[in-house]
N, C-alpha and C. Protein backbone atom coordinates (compact mmCIF):
# COMPACT_ATOMS: atom_id res chain seq x y z
N MET A 1 -85.58 117.03 107.49
CA MET A 1 -84.22 116.51 107.54
C MET A 1 -83.28 117.68 107.77
N THR A 2 -82.32 117.47 108.68
CA THR A 2 -81.33 118.49 108.94
C THR A 2 -79.95 117.89 108.71
N ALA A 3 -79.18 118.54 107.86
CA ALA A 3 -77.84 118.03 107.57
C ALA A 3 -76.83 119.06 108.01
N ALA A 4 -75.65 118.60 108.45
CA ALA A 4 -74.61 119.51 108.91
C ALA A 4 -73.27 119.07 108.35
N THR A 5 -72.48 120.03 107.86
CA THR A 5 -71.14 119.74 107.37
C THR A 5 -70.22 120.90 107.74
N ASN A 6 -69.18 120.63 108.56
CA ASN A 6 -68.21 121.66 108.97
C ASN A 6 -68.89 122.89 109.56
N GLY A 7 -69.93 122.70 110.34
CA GLY A 7 -70.56 123.83 111.01
C GLY A 7 -71.54 124.61 110.17
N VAL A 8 -71.80 124.20 108.94
CA VAL A 8 -72.76 124.89 108.09
C VAL A 8 -74.00 124.01 108.01
N ASN A 9 -75.08 124.45 108.64
CA ASN A 9 -76.26 123.61 108.77
C ASN A 9 -77.41 124.16 107.96
N SER A 10 -78.31 123.26 107.52
CA SER A 10 -79.60 123.68 106.99
C SER A 10 -80.60 123.63 108.11
N GLY A 11 -81.70 124.37 108.04
CA GLY A 11 -82.72 124.34 109.08
C GLY A 11 -82.32 125.18 110.26
N SER A 12 -82.25 124.52 111.49
CA SER A 12 -82.12 125.25 112.74
C SER A 12 -80.75 125.89 112.92
N ASN A 13 -79.71 125.49 112.19
CA ASN A 13 -78.36 126.01 112.40
C ASN A 13 -77.99 127.15 111.47
N VAL A 14 -78.99 127.71 110.76
CA VAL A 14 -78.71 128.81 109.86
C VAL A 14 -78.11 129.98 110.62
N GLY A 15 -78.63 130.24 111.83
CA GLY A 15 -78.16 131.38 112.60
C GLY A 15 -76.69 131.31 112.91
N SER A 16 -76.18 130.09 113.27
CA SER A 16 -74.76 129.96 113.59
C SER A 16 -73.88 130.22 112.40
N SER A 17 -74.32 129.77 111.20
CA SER A 17 -73.52 130.03 110.01
C SER A 17 -73.49 131.50 109.70
N SER A 18 -74.63 132.19 109.97
CA SER A 18 -74.69 133.62 109.73
C SER A 18 -73.71 134.35 110.64
N ASN A 19 -73.69 133.95 111.95
CA ASN A 19 -72.80 134.60 112.90
C ASN A 19 -71.35 134.35 112.58
N SER A 20 -71.04 133.22 111.98
CA SER A 20 -69.66 132.87 111.72
C SER A 20 -69.03 133.68 110.62
N ILE A 21 -69.86 134.27 109.74
CA ILE A 21 -69.26 134.99 108.62
C ILE A 21 -69.64 136.47 108.58
N THR A 22 -70.54 136.90 109.50
CA THR A 22 -70.84 138.32 109.53
C THR A 22 -69.66 139.06 110.13
N GLY A 23 -69.59 140.35 109.88
CA GLY A 23 -68.47 141.13 110.39
C GLY A 23 -67.30 141.15 109.44
N ASN A 24 -67.39 140.48 108.31
CA ASN A 24 -66.29 140.46 107.34
C ASN A 24 -66.46 141.51 106.25
N GLY A 25 -67.42 142.44 106.43
CA GLY A 25 -67.60 143.47 105.42
C GLY A 25 -68.88 143.28 104.65
N ASP A 26 -69.13 144.18 103.74
CA ASP A 26 -70.36 144.16 102.95
C ASP A 26 -70.50 142.88 102.14
N MET A 27 -69.39 142.38 101.60
CA MET A 27 -69.48 141.17 100.78
C MET A 27 -69.97 139.99 101.62
N SER A 28 -69.47 139.84 102.85
CA SER A 28 -69.90 138.75 103.72
C SER A 28 -71.37 138.87 104.08
N GLN A 29 -71.81 140.11 104.36
CA GLN A 29 -73.21 140.31 104.72
C GLN A 29 -74.13 139.96 103.56
N LEU A 30 -73.74 140.38 102.36
CA LEU A 30 -74.54 140.05 101.19
C LEU A 30 -74.56 138.55 100.96
N PHE A 31 -73.41 137.91 101.11
CA PHE A 31 -73.35 136.45 100.92
C PHE A 31 -74.23 135.74 101.95
N THR A 32 -74.20 136.23 103.20
CA THR A 32 -75.01 135.63 104.25
C THR A 32 -76.49 135.68 103.90
N LYS A 33 -76.95 136.84 103.43
CA LYS A 33 -78.36 136.99 103.06
C LYS A 33 -78.74 136.03 101.93
N LEU A 34 -77.86 135.93 100.93
CA LEU A 34 -78.14 135.04 99.82
C LEU A 34 -78.14 133.58 100.27
N LEU A 35 -77.22 133.24 101.16
CA LEU A 35 -77.14 131.86 101.64
C LEU A 35 -78.38 131.49 102.44
N ILE A 36 -78.83 132.40 103.31
CA ILE A 36 -80.04 132.14 104.10
C ILE A 36 -81.24 131.98 103.18
N ALA A 37 -81.36 132.85 102.19
CA ALA A 37 -82.47 132.76 101.24
C ALA A 37 -82.43 131.44 100.48
N GLN A 38 -81.22 131.02 100.13
CA GLN A 38 -81.08 129.77 99.40
C GLN A 38 -81.51 128.58 100.25
N ILE A 39 -81.14 128.62 101.54
CA ILE A 39 -81.49 127.51 102.43
C ILE A 39 -82.99 127.49 102.71
N LYS A 40 -83.58 128.68 102.94
CA LYS A 40 -85.01 128.76 103.25
C LYS A 40 -85.88 128.30 102.09
N ASN A 41 -85.42 128.55 100.89
CA ASN A 41 -86.25 128.27 99.72
C ASN A 41 -85.89 126.95 99.03
N GLN A 42 -85.06 126.15 99.66
CA GLN A 42 -84.74 124.87 99.04
C GLN A 42 -85.91 123.90 99.19
N ASN A 43 -85.98 122.93 98.36
CA ASN A 43 -87.03 121.91 98.38
C ASN A 43 -86.75 120.96 99.55
N PRO A 44 -87.67 120.89 100.56
CA PRO A 44 -87.43 120.01 101.72
C PRO A 44 -87.27 118.55 101.31
N LEU A 45 -87.91 118.16 100.22
CA LEU A 45 -87.81 116.77 99.78
C LEU A 45 -86.50 116.50 99.04
N GLU A 46 -85.89 117.56 98.53
CA GLU A 46 -84.61 117.42 97.84
C GLU A 46 -83.67 118.52 98.33
N PRO A 47 -83.24 118.42 99.57
CA PRO A 47 -82.40 119.48 100.14
C PRO A 47 -81.06 119.60 99.40
N THR A 48 -80.55 120.82 99.38
CA THR A 48 -79.27 121.07 98.73
C THR A 48 -78.15 120.33 99.46
N ASP A 49 -77.25 119.81 98.71
CA ASP A 49 -76.09 119.11 99.28
C ASP A 49 -75.30 120.09 100.15
N PRO A 50 -75.12 119.80 101.45
CA PRO A 50 -74.37 120.72 102.33
C PRO A 50 -72.98 121.06 101.81
N SER A 51 -72.38 120.16 101.03
CA SER A 51 -71.03 120.43 100.52
C SER A 51 -71.01 121.65 99.59
N GLN A 52 -72.18 121.94 98.97
CA GLN A 52 -72.25 123.12 98.11
C GLN A 52 -72.13 124.40 98.94
N PHE A 53 -72.75 124.40 100.15
CA PHE A 53 -72.62 125.55 101.03
C PHE A 53 -71.16 125.73 101.46
N VAL A 54 -70.54 124.61 101.79
CA VAL A 54 -69.13 124.66 102.19
C VAL A 54 -68.27 125.21 101.06
N SER A 55 -68.57 124.77 99.84
CA SER A 55 -67.82 125.25 98.67
C SER A 55 -67.99 126.75 98.48
N GLN A 56 -69.24 127.24 98.68
CA GLN A 56 -69.50 128.66 98.54
C GLN A 56 -68.75 129.47 99.60
N LEU A 57 -68.74 128.96 100.84
CA LEU A 57 -68.02 129.63 101.91
C LEU A 57 -66.52 129.67 101.63
N THR A 58 -66.03 128.55 101.07
CA THR A 58 -64.60 128.48 100.74
C THR A 58 -64.25 129.51 99.67
N GLN A 59 -65.11 129.64 98.66
CA GLN A 59 -64.87 130.62 97.60
C GLN A 59 -64.88 132.04 98.17
N LEU A 60 -65.84 132.32 99.07
CA LEU A 60 -65.91 133.63 99.70
C LEU A 60 -64.62 133.92 100.47
N SER A 61 -64.17 132.91 101.22
CA SER A 61 -62.95 133.08 102.01
C SER A 61 -61.75 133.37 101.12
N GLN A 62 -61.70 132.67 99.96
CA GLN A 62 -60.59 132.89 99.03
C GLN A 62 -60.62 134.31 98.46
N VAL A 63 -61.83 134.78 98.11
CA VAL A 63 -61.96 136.14 97.57
C VAL A 63 -61.53 137.17 98.60
N GLU A 64 -61.98 136.99 99.85
CA GLU A 64 -61.61 137.93 100.90
C GLU A 64 -60.12 137.91 101.17
N SER A 65 -59.51 136.72 101.11
CA SER A 65 -58.06 136.62 101.32
C SER A 65 -57.31 137.35 100.22
N MET A 66 -57.80 137.22 98.99
CA MET A 66 -57.16 137.92 97.87
C MET A 66 -57.29 139.43 98.04
N GLN A 67 -58.47 139.88 98.50
CA GLN A 67 -58.68 141.31 98.73
C GLN A 67 -57.74 141.83 99.81
N GLN A 68 -57.56 141.04 100.86
CA GLN A 68 -56.65 141.44 101.93
C GLN A 68 -55.21 141.50 101.43
N MET A 69 -54.83 140.53 100.58
CA MET A 69 -53.47 140.53 100.03
C MET A 69 -53.24 141.76 99.16
N VAL A 70 -54.26 142.10 98.35
CA VAL A 70 -54.13 143.29 97.49
C VAL A 70 -53.99 144.54 98.35
N ALA A 71 -54.80 144.63 99.41
CA ALA A 71 -54.74 145.80 100.29
C ALA A 71 -53.37 145.89 100.97
N GLN A 72 -52.83 144.74 101.43
CA GLN A 72 -51.52 144.73 102.07
C GLN A 72 -50.43 145.10 101.08
N THR A 73 -50.56 144.60 99.83
CA THR A 73 -49.57 144.92 98.80
C THR A 73 -49.58 146.40 98.49
N ASN A 74 -50.78 146.97 98.36
CA ASN A 74 -50.89 148.41 98.09
C ASN A 74 -50.31 149.23 99.23
N ALA A 75 -50.57 148.79 100.46
CA ALA A 75 -50.03 149.52 101.62
C ALA A 75 -48.51 149.45 101.63
N SER A 76 -47.97 148.27 101.32
CA SER A 76 -46.51 148.11 101.28
C SER A 76 -45.90 148.96 100.18
N ALA A 77 -46.57 148.99 99.01
CA ALA A 77 -46.07 149.80 97.90
C ALA A 77 -46.06 151.27 98.26
N SER A 78 -47.12 151.73 98.95
CA SER A 78 -47.18 153.13 99.37
C SER A 78 -46.08 153.46 100.36
N MET A 79 -45.82 152.52 101.27
CA MET A 79 -44.76 152.74 102.25
C MET A 79 -43.40 152.81 101.58
N LEU A 80 -43.15 151.88 100.64
CA LEU A 80 -41.88 151.88 99.92
C LEU A 80 -41.71 153.16 99.10
N GLU A 81 -42.81 153.61 98.49
CA GLU A 81 -42.76 154.83 97.70
C GLU A 81 -42.43 156.02 98.58
N SER A 82 -43.03 156.07 99.78
CA SER A 82 -42.76 157.17 100.71
C SER A 82 -41.30 157.14 101.14
N MET A 83 -40.78 155.93 101.42
CA MET A 83 -39.38 155.81 101.81
C MET A 83 -38.45 156.24 100.67
N GLN A 84 -38.84 155.89 99.44
CA GLN A 84 -38.04 156.28 98.28
C GLN A 84 -38.01 157.80 98.14
N VAL A 85 -39.17 158.44 98.30
CA VAL A 85 -39.23 159.90 98.19
C VAL A 85 -38.38 160.56 99.26
N MET A 86 -38.43 160.02 100.49
CA MET A 86 -37.61 160.57 101.57
C MET A 86 -36.13 160.44 101.25
N ALA A 87 -35.75 159.27 100.72
CA ALA A 87 -34.34 159.04 100.38
C ALA A 87 -33.91 159.97 99.26
N LEU A 88 -34.76 160.13 98.24
CA LEU A 88 -34.44 161.02 97.13
C LEU A 88 -34.42 162.47 97.59
N GLY A 89 -35.33 162.82 98.50
CA GLY A 89 -35.37 164.19 99.00
C GLY A 89 -34.07 164.58 99.68
N ALA A 90 -33.43 163.60 100.31
CA ALA A 90 -32.16 163.87 100.98
C ALA A 90 -31.04 164.15 99.98
N GLN A 91 -31.28 163.80 98.69
CA GLN A 91 -30.26 163.99 97.66
C GLN A 91 -30.46 165.30 96.88
N VAL A 92 -31.48 166.09 97.24
CA VAL A 92 -31.70 167.35 96.54
C VAL A 92 -30.45 168.23 96.66
N GLY A 93 -30.02 168.76 95.53
CA GLY A 93 -28.80 169.56 95.49
C GLY A 93 -27.60 168.78 95.01
N ALA A 94 -27.75 167.45 94.92
CA ALA A 94 -26.64 166.60 94.47
C ALA A 94 -26.59 166.53 92.95
N ASN A 95 -25.43 166.17 92.43
CA ASN A 95 -25.25 165.96 91.00
C ASN A 95 -25.66 164.52 90.67
N VAL A 96 -26.49 164.35 89.64
CA VAL A 96 -26.96 163.02 89.26
C VAL A 96 -26.71 162.78 87.77
N THR A 97 -26.71 161.52 87.39
CA THR A 97 -26.66 161.12 85.99
C THR A 97 -27.95 160.37 85.68
N ALA A 98 -28.59 160.72 84.56
CA ALA A 98 -29.88 160.10 84.24
C ALA A 98 -30.02 159.92 82.73
N VAL A 99 -30.83 158.93 82.36
CA VAL A 99 -31.11 158.65 80.95
C VAL A 99 -32.26 159.55 80.49
N SER A 100 -32.12 160.15 79.32
CA SER A 100 -33.20 160.98 78.78
C SER A 100 -33.02 161.15 77.28
N ASP A 101 -34.12 161.50 76.60
CA ASP A 101 -34.05 161.80 75.17
C ASP A 101 -34.27 163.29 74.92
N ARG A 102 -34.17 164.09 76.00
CA ARG A 102 -34.27 165.53 75.84
C ARG A 102 -33.33 166.21 76.83
N VAL A 103 -32.97 167.46 76.54
CA VAL A 103 -32.05 168.21 77.39
C VAL A 103 -32.57 169.64 77.53
N VAL A 104 -32.43 170.18 78.73
CA VAL A 104 -32.79 171.56 78.99
C VAL A 104 -31.49 172.37 78.99
N VAL A 105 -31.30 173.18 77.99
CA VAL A 105 -30.05 173.92 77.80
C VAL A 105 -30.14 175.29 78.46
N GLY A 106 -29.06 175.64 79.17
CA GLY A 106 -28.94 176.97 79.76
C GLY A 106 -27.70 177.66 79.23
N ASP A 107 -26.86 178.16 80.13
CA ASP A 107 -25.64 178.88 79.72
C ASP A 107 -24.38 178.04 79.87
N THR A 108 -24.46 176.95 80.63
CA THR A 108 -23.25 176.17 80.91
C THR A 108 -23.22 174.87 80.12
N ALA A 109 -22.00 174.34 79.93
CA ALA A 109 -21.83 173.07 79.21
C ALA A 109 -22.38 171.91 80.03
N ILE A 110 -22.92 170.90 79.34
CA ILE A 110 -23.55 169.75 79.99
C ILE A 110 -22.80 168.48 79.60
N PRO A 111 -22.21 167.76 80.56
CA PRO A 111 -21.52 166.50 80.24
C PRO A 111 -22.52 165.40 79.92
N GLY A 112 -22.19 164.57 78.93
CA GLY A 112 -23.04 163.44 78.56
C GLY A 112 -22.23 162.24 78.16
N ARG A 113 -22.91 161.12 78.00
CA ARG A 113 -22.23 159.90 77.56
C ARG A 113 -23.26 158.92 77.02
N PHE A 114 -22.78 157.96 76.26
CA PHE A 114 -23.60 156.84 75.81
C PHE A 114 -22.66 155.67 75.55
N THR A 115 -23.22 154.49 75.38
CA THR A 115 -22.42 153.29 75.20
C THR A 115 -22.75 152.64 73.86
N LEU A 116 -21.72 152.39 73.08
CA LEU A 116 -21.89 151.73 71.78
C LEU A 116 -21.66 150.23 71.92
N GLU A 117 -22.54 149.45 71.32
CA GLU A 117 -22.37 147.99 71.29
C GLU A 117 -21.53 147.58 70.09
N SER A 118 -21.52 148.41 69.05
CA SER A 118 -20.79 148.12 67.81
C SER A 118 -19.94 149.34 67.43
N ALA A 119 -18.90 149.09 66.64
CA ALA A 119 -18.06 150.19 66.17
C ALA A 119 -18.84 151.07 65.20
N SER A 120 -18.49 152.37 65.20
CA SER A 120 -19.15 153.31 64.31
C SER A 120 -18.09 154.23 63.70
N SER A 121 -18.05 154.29 62.38
CA SER A 121 -17.06 155.14 61.71
C SER A 121 -17.47 156.62 61.71
N SER A 122 -18.76 156.87 61.96
CA SER A 122 -19.25 158.24 62.05
C SER A 122 -20.32 158.29 63.13
N THR A 123 -20.04 159.03 64.19
CA THR A 123 -20.92 159.07 65.35
C THR A 123 -21.32 160.51 65.63
N THR A 124 -22.63 160.75 65.76
CA THR A 124 -23.12 162.13 65.90
C THR A 124 -24.24 162.21 66.93
N VAL A 125 -24.15 163.21 67.79
CA VAL A 125 -25.25 163.54 68.68
C VAL A 125 -26.05 164.67 68.02
N VAL A 126 -27.34 164.45 67.84
CA VAL A 126 -28.19 165.42 67.15
C VAL A 126 -29.15 166.05 68.14
N LEU A 127 -29.13 167.38 68.22
CA LEU A 127 -30.07 168.15 69.05
C LEU A 127 -31.07 168.84 68.14
N GLU A 128 -32.34 168.83 68.53
CA GLU A 128 -33.38 169.42 67.68
C GLU A 128 -34.34 170.24 68.54
N ASP A 129 -34.60 171.48 68.13
CA ASP A 129 -35.51 172.32 68.90
C ASP A 129 -36.95 172.09 68.45
N SER A 130 -37.88 172.85 69.03
CA SER A 130 -39.30 172.65 68.77
C SER A 130 -39.71 173.00 67.35
N THR A 131 -38.86 173.77 66.65
CA THR A 131 -39.17 174.15 65.27
C THR A 131 -38.56 173.18 64.26
N GLY A 132 -37.81 172.20 64.74
CA GLY A 132 -37.18 171.24 63.84
C GLY A 132 -35.75 171.59 63.45
N GLN A 133 -35.24 172.72 63.94
CA GLN A 133 -33.87 173.10 63.62
C GLN A 133 -32.89 172.24 64.41
N GLN A 134 -31.85 171.78 63.73
CA GLN A 134 -30.92 170.83 64.33
C GLN A 134 -29.54 171.44 64.55
N ARG A 135 -28.87 170.93 65.60
CA ARG A 135 -27.46 171.17 65.84
C ARG A 135 -26.81 169.81 66.01
N ARG A 136 -25.65 169.63 65.39
CA ARG A 136 -25.01 168.32 65.38
C ARG A 136 -23.65 168.39 66.06
N ILE A 137 -23.41 167.40 66.93
CA ILE A 137 -22.11 167.28 67.59
C ILE A 137 -21.40 166.07 66.97
N GLU A 138 -20.42 166.34 66.11
CA GLU A 138 -19.71 165.27 65.41
C GLU A 138 -18.65 164.68 66.32
N LEU A 139 -18.71 163.37 66.53
CA LEU A 139 -17.78 162.69 67.45
C LEU A 139 -16.82 161.75 66.74
N GLY A 140 -16.96 161.60 65.40
CA GLY A 140 -16.01 160.81 64.62
C GLY A 140 -16.16 159.31 64.81
N THR A 141 -15.03 158.62 64.66
CA THR A 141 -15.01 157.15 64.73
C THR A 141 -14.86 156.68 66.18
N HIS A 142 -15.64 155.64 66.52
CA HIS A 142 -15.55 155.10 67.88
C HIS A 142 -15.68 153.58 67.87
N LYS A 143 -14.89 152.96 68.72
CA LYS A 143 -14.99 151.51 68.93
C LYS A 143 -16.14 151.25 69.91
N PRO A 144 -16.53 149.98 70.06
CA PRO A 144 -17.55 149.66 71.06
C PRO A 144 -17.10 150.12 72.45
N GLY A 145 -18.02 150.62 73.22
CA GLY A 145 -17.69 151.09 74.56
C GLY A 145 -18.33 152.43 74.86
N GLU A 146 -17.91 153.02 75.97
CA GLU A 146 -18.50 154.28 76.42
C GLU A 146 -17.92 155.46 75.65
N VAL A 147 -18.80 156.38 75.27
CA VAL A 147 -18.39 157.58 74.53
C VAL A 147 -18.83 158.80 75.34
N ASP A 148 -17.87 159.66 75.70
CA ASP A 148 -18.18 160.88 76.42
C ASP A 148 -18.29 162.06 75.45
N PHE A 149 -19.14 163.00 75.76
CA PHE A 149 -19.27 164.21 74.93
C PHE A 149 -19.76 165.36 75.81
N GLN A 150 -19.85 166.53 75.24
CA GLN A 150 -20.32 167.71 75.95
C GLN A 150 -21.24 168.53 75.07
N ILE A 151 -22.31 169.03 75.68
CA ILE A 151 -23.20 169.95 74.98
C ILE A 151 -22.81 171.36 75.41
N ASP A 152 -22.13 172.09 74.55
CA ASP A 152 -21.66 173.44 74.85
C ASP A 152 -22.57 174.45 74.14
N PRO A 153 -23.46 175.10 74.86
CA PRO A 153 -24.42 176.02 74.22
C PRO A 153 -23.75 177.12 73.41
N GLN A 154 -22.65 177.66 73.90
CA GLN A 154 -21.99 178.76 73.19
C GLN A 154 -21.36 178.28 71.90
N ALA A 155 -20.67 177.15 71.94
CA ALA A 155 -20.01 176.63 70.74
C ALA A 155 -21.03 176.20 69.68
N LEU A 156 -22.18 175.73 70.13
CA LEU A 156 -23.20 175.25 69.20
C LEU A 156 -24.21 176.33 68.80
N GLY A 157 -24.13 177.48 69.45
CA GLY A 157 -25.09 178.56 69.16
C GLY A 157 -26.50 178.21 69.60
N LEU A 158 -26.63 177.56 70.75
CA LEU A 158 -27.94 177.15 71.26
C LEU A 158 -28.52 178.22 72.17
N VAL A 159 -29.76 178.56 71.95
CA VAL A 159 -30.45 179.46 72.87
C VAL A 159 -31.04 178.61 73.99
N PRO A 160 -31.22 179.18 75.18
CA PRO A 160 -31.81 178.42 76.29
C PRO A 160 -33.16 177.84 75.91
N GLY A 161 -33.38 176.61 76.30
CA GLY A 161 -34.65 175.93 75.99
C GLY A 161 -34.49 174.43 76.04
N THR A 162 -35.54 173.73 75.65
CA THR A 162 -35.56 172.27 75.68
C THR A 162 -35.37 171.72 74.27
N TYR A 163 -34.47 170.75 74.15
CA TYR A 163 -34.15 170.14 72.86
C TYR A 163 -34.30 168.61 72.98
N SER A 164 -34.81 168.01 71.92
CA SER A 164 -34.77 166.55 71.84
C SER A 164 -33.37 166.15 71.39
N MET A 165 -32.96 164.92 71.68
CA MET A 165 -31.62 164.51 71.29
C MET A 165 -31.60 163.01 70.97
N ARG A 166 -30.68 162.67 70.10
CA ARG A 166 -30.50 161.27 69.71
C ARG A 166 -29.07 161.09 69.20
N VAL A 167 -28.67 159.82 69.08
CA VAL A 167 -27.35 159.49 68.56
C VAL A 167 -27.51 158.82 67.21
N GLU A 168 -26.76 159.27 66.22
CA GLU A 168 -26.74 158.63 64.90
C GLU A 168 -25.40 157.94 64.72
N THR A 169 -25.43 156.69 64.26
CA THR A 169 -24.21 155.90 64.03
C THR A 169 -24.30 155.21 62.68
N THR A 170 -23.13 154.84 62.14
CA THR A 170 -23.12 154.11 60.88
C THR A 170 -23.63 152.69 61.04
N SER A 171 -23.62 152.19 62.27
CA SER A 171 -24.13 150.84 62.54
C SER A 171 -25.64 150.83 62.75
N LYS A 172 -26.27 152.02 62.65
CA LYS A 172 -27.72 152.19 62.86
C LYS A 172 -28.14 151.95 64.31
N GLU A 173 -27.18 151.90 65.18
CA GLU A 173 -27.46 151.73 66.60
C GLU A 173 -27.95 153.06 67.18
N THR A 174 -28.89 152.98 68.10
CA THR A 174 -29.42 154.20 68.73
C THR A 174 -29.31 154.07 70.26
N PRO A 175 -28.13 154.28 70.81
CA PRO A 175 -27.93 154.08 72.25
C PRO A 175 -28.64 155.14 73.08
N ALA A 176 -28.98 154.78 74.30
CA ALA A 176 -29.58 155.73 75.24
C ALA A 176 -28.52 156.73 75.69
N ILE A 177 -28.94 157.97 75.88
CA ILE A 177 -28.02 159.03 76.29
C ILE A 177 -28.20 159.33 77.77
N GLU A 178 -27.06 159.46 78.46
CA GLU A 178 -27.05 159.85 79.86
C GLU A 178 -26.45 161.25 79.99
N LEU A 179 -27.11 162.10 80.77
CA LEU A 179 -26.62 163.45 81.02
C LEU A 179 -26.50 163.70 82.52
N GLN A 180 -25.61 164.61 82.88
CA GLN A 180 -25.46 165.00 84.27
C GLN A 180 -26.24 166.28 84.54
N GLY A 181 -26.72 166.41 85.76
CA GLY A 181 -27.44 167.61 86.16
C GLY A 181 -27.62 167.64 87.66
N THR A 182 -28.20 168.70 88.16
CA THR A 182 -28.43 168.86 89.59
C THR A 182 -29.87 168.50 89.94
N LEU A 183 -30.04 167.63 90.94
CA LEU A 183 -31.38 167.28 91.41
C LEU A 183 -31.94 168.46 92.18
N GLN A 184 -33.03 169.04 91.68
CA GLN A 184 -33.59 170.26 92.26
C GLN A 184 -34.76 170.01 93.21
N SER A 185 -35.58 169.00 92.91
CA SER A 185 -36.73 168.73 93.77
C SER A 185 -37.28 167.34 93.49
N VAL A 186 -38.11 166.86 94.44
CA VAL A 186 -38.77 165.57 94.31
C VAL A 186 -40.23 165.76 94.71
N ARG A 187 -41.13 165.22 93.91
CA ARG A 187 -42.56 165.30 94.25
C ARG A 187 -43.24 163.98 93.91
N ILE A 188 -44.43 163.79 94.45
CA ILE A 188 -45.22 162.59 94.21
C ILE A 188 -46.34 162.90 93.22
N SER A 189 -46.46 162.07 92.18
CA SER A 189 -47.55 162.18 91.22
C SER A 189 -48.48 160.99 91.39
N ALA A 190 -49.79 161.23 91.33
CA ALA A 190 -50.76 160.14 91.49
C ALA A 190 -50.63 159.11 90.38
N THR A 191 -50.17 159.52 89.21
CA THR A 191 -50.08 158.60 88.07
C THR A 191 -48.66 158.12 87.79
N GLU A 192 -47.65 158.90 88.18
CA GLU A 192 -46.28 158.56 87.84
C GLU A 192 -45.41 158.18 89.03
N GLY A 193 -45.92 158.33 90.24
CA GLY A 193 -45.10 158.05 91.42
C GLY A 193 -44.14 159.20 91.69
N ALA A 194 -42.90 158.86 92.04
CA ALA A 194 -41.89 159.88 92.33
C ALA A 194 -41.43 160.56 91.04
N VAL A 195 -41.53 161.88 91.02
CA VAL A 195 -41.10 162.66 89.86
C VAL A 195 -39.98 163.59 90.31
N LEU A 196 -38.86 163.54 89.59
CA LEU A 196 -37.69 164.33 89.94
C LEU A 196 -37.52 165.49 88.97
N GLN A 197 -37.12 166.62 89.50
CA GLN A 197 -36.80 167.78 88.67
C GLN A 197 -35.29 167.92 88.65
N VAL A 198 -34.70 167.76 87.44
CA VAL A 198 -33.25 167.84 87.27
C VAL A 198 -32.94 169.03 86.37
N SER A 199 -31.92 169.79 86.73
CA SER A 199 -31.62 171.05 86.05
C SER A 199 -31.48 170.91 84.55
N THR A 200 -30.82 169.87 84.08
CA THR A 200 -30.55 169.72 82.65
C THR A 200 -31.55 168.84 81.91
N LEU A 201 -32.51 168.26 82.65
CA LEU A 201 -33.42 167.28 82.04
C LEU A 201 -34.90 167.61 82.23
N GLY A 202 -35.20 168.53 83.13
CA GLY A 202 -36.60 168.79 83.44
C GLY A 202 -37.16 167.70 84.35
N SER A 203 -38.42 167.34 84.17
CA SER A 203 -39.07 166.32 85.00
C SER A 203 -38.77 164.93 84.46
N ILE A 204 -38.28 164.04 85.34
CA ILE A 204 -38.00 162.66 84.95
C ILE A 204 -38.49 161.73 86.06
N SER A 205 -38.62 160.45 85.74
CA SER A 205 -39.01 159.47 86.74
C SER A 205 -37.77 159.03 87.52
N ALA A 206 -37.99 158.48 88.71
CA ALA A 206 -36.88 158.03 89.54
C ALA A 206 -36.09 156.91 88.85
N SER A 207 -36.76 156.11 88.03
CA SER A 207 -36.10 154.99 87.36
C SER A 207 -35.10 155.44 86.30
N ALA A 208 -35.17 156.73 85.90
CA ALA A 208 -34.23 157.24 84.88
C ALA A 208 -32.85 157.53 85.46
N ILE A 209 -32.76 157.64 86.78
CA ILE A 209 -31.48 157.94 87.43
C ILE A 209 -30.56 156.71 87.33
N THR A 210 -29.33 156.94 86.86
CA THR A 210 -28.36 155.86 86.78
C THR A 210 -27.22 156.00 87.77
N ALA A 211 -27.03 157.21 88.33
CA ALA A 211 -25.94 157.42 89.30
C ALA A 211 -26.16 158.68 90.10
N PHE A 212 -25.78 158.62 91.37
CA PHE A 212 -25.70 159.81 92.21
C PHE A 212 -24.22 160.14 92.37
N ASN A 213 -23.85 161.35 91.98
CA ASN A 213 -22.44 161.71 91.91
C ASN A 213 -21.98 162.59 93.06
N GLY A 214 -22.83 162.76 94.07
CA GLY A 214 -22.44 163.58 95.21
C GLY A 214 -22.74 165.05 95.00
N ARG A 215 -22.52 165.81 96.03
CA ARG A 215 -22.78 167.25 95.98
C ARG A 215 -21.57 167.99 95.47
N PRO A 216 -21.82 169.07 94.71
CA PRO A 216 -20.70 169.87 94.20
C PRO A 216 -19.85 170.42 95.35
N GLN A 217 -18.55 170.46 95.16
CA GLN A 217 -17.64 170.98 96.17
C GLN A 217 -17.62 172.52 96.12
C-alpha cells in the first residue's frame, strides 16, 4: 500500500520528500535520515498515518523559521549596536550628563543634580572613599523637585580618586544622582555592549546617559 499526503509519500516517493527538505542545513539532513528510516522500518500491514509525517515536517519548518527569526534579530541588534557606537563616537569630546553611584574626582569642581519626590528638611550628598572615609555635602531643606549641587575637591579636601556617592534625606528617599563630565571614548564589550568612558564617572553603559550638553566653547 502506498499513501500520499501533501507530497510526503511512503514507499516509492521517499526520494521526493528527501529532496524537498535537503539543503536546509544539518537539522534538515538529520531529520531526513530519521524520516526515511522510520518509513523503511514501518509495519507494511499497519503503515504509519501519513498525517504524522506531515506533522513532523511542519514542526521542523516551525523550528527552522524560529532559528531564522533569531538569526535575523541578532543581526539587526548587531547593526543597531554598531550604529549606536558610531553615533556615540561622534560625540566624543562633548559634555554629557549621566546617572551614577560613583564619581572620579580630579582637581576641578563637578556639577551634579538629583530629583526629590518628597520634601526633606535635611538633605546630604555623601562621598565615601575605598577606606570608608566620608565627606558630606550638606544641602539643607528642600522641597520636592530638582536639587543642584557641586562636588568641589578643594573645599571638601578630596584627593584625586574614585568615590562612591549617595543622597541621604529625612524622608528616607534615595534619589539617583546625575553628574556632568566629558565623553572621552566609546568601545564595544562582548558582555556589556557599548561602554563609555566619561571623565568624572569612569566606565559607564550607554543607558546611563541622560543628556548630551554639547561641546565646550
